[in-house]
Amino acid sequence: MIKYTVIVSDLAAKEFSNHLAFLANVSKPAAVDLKKRMVEALRKLETMPNRFPFFQEPYVPNNKYHKMYVQNWYLVLYQVRDERVYVDYILDCRQDYTWLIK
């Protein structure tokens, strides 16, 4: 079985860090739990990253990004190339992310 290398972009890391900081102001235990779940989910991309469906939206090239949901509210968009997984975005689905598809 191939083990993929997961690479998180600076933008995705910054987005997620902002989500964690916001959540920590509301509930530190919830922020710790979210971080743990996100790290576990990203590690799972090391094996079989193609198991998640493609992100299909207008203005986004077909079959460019896979999508993975973490805790129902966080959308991870990533690309698989060769033996690497590139995590480009980590979005809070409760916020407007239409800027991504424009």
C-alpha atoms as a PDB file:
ATOM      1  CA  MET A   1       0.000   0.000   0.000  1.00  0.00           C
ATOM      2  CA  ILE A   2       1.283   3.448  -0.902  1.00  0.00           C
ATOM      3  CA  LYS A   3       1.858   5.885   1.935  1.00  0.00           C
ATOM      4  CA  TYR A   4       1.204   9.429   0.736  1.00  0.00           C
ATOM      5  CA  THR A   5       2.965  12.502   2.061  1.00  0.00           C
ATOM      6  CA  VAL A   6       0.448  15.094   3.295  1.00  0.00           C
ATOM      7  CA  ILE A   7       1.489  18.713   2.748  1.00  0.00           C
ATOM      8  CA  VAL A   8      -0.643  21.449   4.324  1.00  0.00           C
ATOM      9  CA  SER A   9      -0.382  24.835   2.624  1.00  0.00           C
ATOM     10  CA  ASP A  10       0.435  27.936   4.635  1.00  0.00           C
ATOM     11  CA  LEU A  11      -3.014  29.309   3.772  1.00  0.00           C
ATOM     12  CA  ALA A  12      -4.813  26.186   5.014  1.00  0.00           C
ATOM     13  CA  ALA A  13      -2.759  26.159   8.222  1.00  0.00           C
ATOM     14  CA  LYS A  14      -3.517  29.848   8.806  1.00  0.00           C
ATOM     15  CA  GLU A  15      -7.239  29.358   8.140  1.00  0.00           C
ATOM     16  CA  PHE A  16      -7.398  26.479  10.584  1.00  0.00           C
ATOM     17  CA  SER A  17      -5.356  28.350  13.180  1.00  0.00           C
ATOM     18  CA  ASN A  18      -7.859  31.210  12.969  1.00  0.00           C
ATOM     19  CA  HIS A  19     -10.747  28.752  13.462  1.00  0.00           C
ATOM     20  CA  LEU A  20      -9.015  27.260  16.498  1.00  0.00           C
ATOM     21  CA  ALA A  21      -8.306  30.675  18.032  1.00  0.00           C
ATOM     22  CA  PHE A  22     -11.927  31.707  17.612  1.00  0.00           C
ATOM     23  CA  LEU A  23     -13.197  28.444  19.092  1.00  0.00           C
ATOM     24  CA  ALA A  24     -10.732  28.637  22.003  1.00  0.00           C
ATOM     25  CA  ASN A  25     -12.308  31.959  23.010  1.00  0.00           C
ATOM     26  CA  VAL A  26     -15.621  30.121  23.342  1.00  0.00           C
ATOM     27  CA  SER A  27     -14.414  26.753  24.664  1.00  0.00           C
ATOM     28  CA  LYS A  28     -10.817  25.640  25.092  1.00  0.00           C
ATOM     29  CA  PRO A  29     -11.752  21.939  25.431  1.00  0.00           C
ATOM     30  CA  ALA A  30     -13.701  22.160  22.153  1.00  0.00           C
ATOM     31  CA  ALA A  31     -10.681  23.735  20.427  1.00  0.00           C
ATOM     32  CA  VAL A  32      -8.380  21.003  21.734  1.00  0.00           C
ATOM     33  CA  ASP A  33     -10.839  18.350  20.539  1.00  0.00           C
ATOM     34  CA  LEU A  34     -11.152  19.946  17.098  1.00  0.00           C
ATOM     35  CA  LYS A  35      -7.385  20.130  16.693  1.00  0.00           C
ATOM     36  CA  LYS A  36      -7.055  16.466  17.650  1.00  0.00           C
ATOM     37  CA  ARG A  37      -9.762  15.412  15.197  1.00  0.00           C
ATOM     38  CA  MET A  38      -8.291  17.491  12.370  1.00  0.00           C
ATOM     39  CA  VAL A  39      -4.803  16.058  12.879  1.00  0.00           C
ATOM     40  CA  GLU A  40      -6.253  12.528  12.887  1.00  0.00           C
ATOM     41  CA  ALA A  41      -8.252  13.230   9.713  1.00  0.00           C
ATOM     42  CA  LEU A  42      -5.229  14.684   7.916  1.00  0.00           C
ATOM     43  CA  ARG A  43      -3.114  11.689   8.927  1.00  0.00           C
ATOM     44  CA  LYS A  44      -5.732   9.384   7.428  1.00  0.00           C
ATOM     45  CA  LEU A  45      -5.040  11.026   4.068  1.00  0.00           C
ATOM     46  CA  GLU A  46      -1.680   9.237   4.119  1.00  0.00           C
ATOM     47  CA  THR A  47      -3.542   6.126   2.998  1.00  0.00           C
ATOM     48  CA  MET A  48      -6.198   6.032   0.296  1.00  0.00           C
ATOM     49  CA  PRO A  49      -6.757   9.792  -0.137  1.00  0.00           C
ATOM     50  CA  ASN A  50      -8.797   9.121  -3.279  1.00  0.00           C
ATOM     51  CA  ARG A  51     -11.601   7.571  -1.216  1.00  0.00           C
ATOM     52  CA  PHE A  52     -13.172  11.000  -0.734  1.00  0.00           C
ATOM     53  CA  PRO A  53     -15.314  12.491  -3.525  1.00  0.00           C
ATOM     54  CA  PHE A  54     -14.390  15.409  -5.716  1.00  0.00           C
ATOM     55  CA  PHE A  55     -15.505  18.935  -4.880  1.00  0.00           C
ATOM     56  CA  GLN A  56     -17.908  19.881  -7.662  1.00  0.00           C
ATOM     57  CA  GLU A  57     -18.727  23.570  -7.907  1.00  0.00           C
ATOM     58  CA  PRO A  58     -19.084  25.957 -10.821  1.00  0.00           C
ATOM     59  CA  TYR A  59     -15.838  27.698 -11.753  1.00  0.00           C
ATOM     60  CA  VAL A  60     -13.699  25.020 -10.108  1.00  0.00           C
ATOM     61  CA  PRO A  61     -12.082  22.678 -12.615  1.00  0.00           C
ATOM     62  CA  ASN A  62     -13.665  19.230 -12.558  1.00  0.00           C
ATOM     63  CA  ASN A  63     -11.804  16.629 -10.537  1.00  0.00           C
ATOM     64  CA  LYS A  64      -9.267  19.114  -9.168  1.00  0.00           C
ATOM     65  CA  TYR A  65     -10.031  18.994  -5.445  1.00  0.00           C
ATOM     66  CA  HIS A  66     -11.182  16.170  -3.240  1.00  0.00           C
ATOM     67  CA  LYS A  67     -13.346  17.121  -0.278  1.00  0.00           C
ATOM     68  CA  MET A  68     -13.292  15.736   3.226  1.00  0.00           C
ATOM     69  CA  TYR A  69     -15.494  16.893   6.076  1.00  0.00           C
ATOM     70  CA  VAL A  70     -14.217  16.978   9.655  1.00  0.00           C
ATOM     71  CA  GLN A  71     -16.790  17.252  12.446  1.00  0.00           C
ATOM     72  CA  ASN A  72     -19.447  18.147   9.850  1.00  0.00           C
ATOM     73  CA  TRP A  73     -18.451  21.840   9.859  1.00  0.00           C
ATOM     74  CA  TYR A  74     -14.960  21.856   8.439  1.00  0.00           C
ATOM     75  CA  LEU A  75     -14.310  21.246   4.775  1.00  0.00           C
ATOM     76  CA  VAL A  76     -10.822  20.167   3.747  1.00  0.00           C
ATOM     77  CA  LEU A  77     -10.040  20.622   0.054  1.00  0.00           C
ATOM     78  CA  TYR A  78      -7.004  18.812  -1.249  1.00  0.00           C
ATOM     79  CA  GLN A  79      -5.339  17.554  -4.399  1.00  0.00           C
ATOM     80  CA  VAL A  80      -3.617  14.232  -4.948  1.00  0.00           C
ATOM     81  CA  ARG A  81      -0.567  14.234  -7.192  1.00  0.00           C
ATOM     82  CA  ASP A  82       1.722  11.247  -7.473  1.00  0.00           C
ATOM     83  CA  GLU A  83       2.406  10.185  -3.875  1.00  0.00           C
ATOM     84  CA  ARG A  84       1.596  13.562  -2.324  1.00  0.00           C
ATOM     85  CA  VAL A  85      -1.566  15.061  -0.907  1.00  0.00           C
ATOM     86  CA  TYR A  86      -1.703  18.856  -1.022  1.00  0.00           C
ATOM     87  CA  VAL A  87      -4.168  20.356   1.457  1.00  0.00           C
ATOM     88  CA  ASP A  88      -4.969  23.744  -0.007  1.00  0.00           C
ATOM     89  CA  TYR A  89      -7.946  24.883   2.086  1.00  0.00           C
ATOM     90  CA  ILE A  90      -9.547  24.181   5.448  1.00  0.00           C
ATOM     91  CA  LEU A  91     -12.879  25.994   5.503  1.00  0.00           C
ATOM     92  CA  ASP A  92     -15.531  26.496   8.143  1.00  0.00           C
ATOM     93  CA  CYS A  93     -18.754  25.588   6.326  1.00  0.00           C
ATOM     94  CA  ARG A  94     -20.728  27.933   8.550  1.00  0.00           C
ATOM     95  CA  GLN A  95     -18.955  30.858   6.887  1.00  0.00           C
ATOM     96  CA  ASP A  96     -19.290  32.116   3.350  1.00  0.00           C
ATOM     97  CA  TYR A  97     -16.636  30.547   1.146  1.00  0.00           C
ATOM     98  CA  THR A  98     -18.015  31.599  -2.223  1.00  0.00           C
ATOM     99  CA  TRP A  99     -14.812  33.632  -2.683  1.00  0.00           C
ATOM    100  CA  LEU A 100     -13.179  30.294  -3.385  1.00  0.00           C
ATOM    101  CA  ILE A 101     -15.279  29.566  -6.439  1.00  0.00           C
ATOM    102  CA  LYS A 102     -15.210  33.041  -7.991  1.00  0.00           C
END
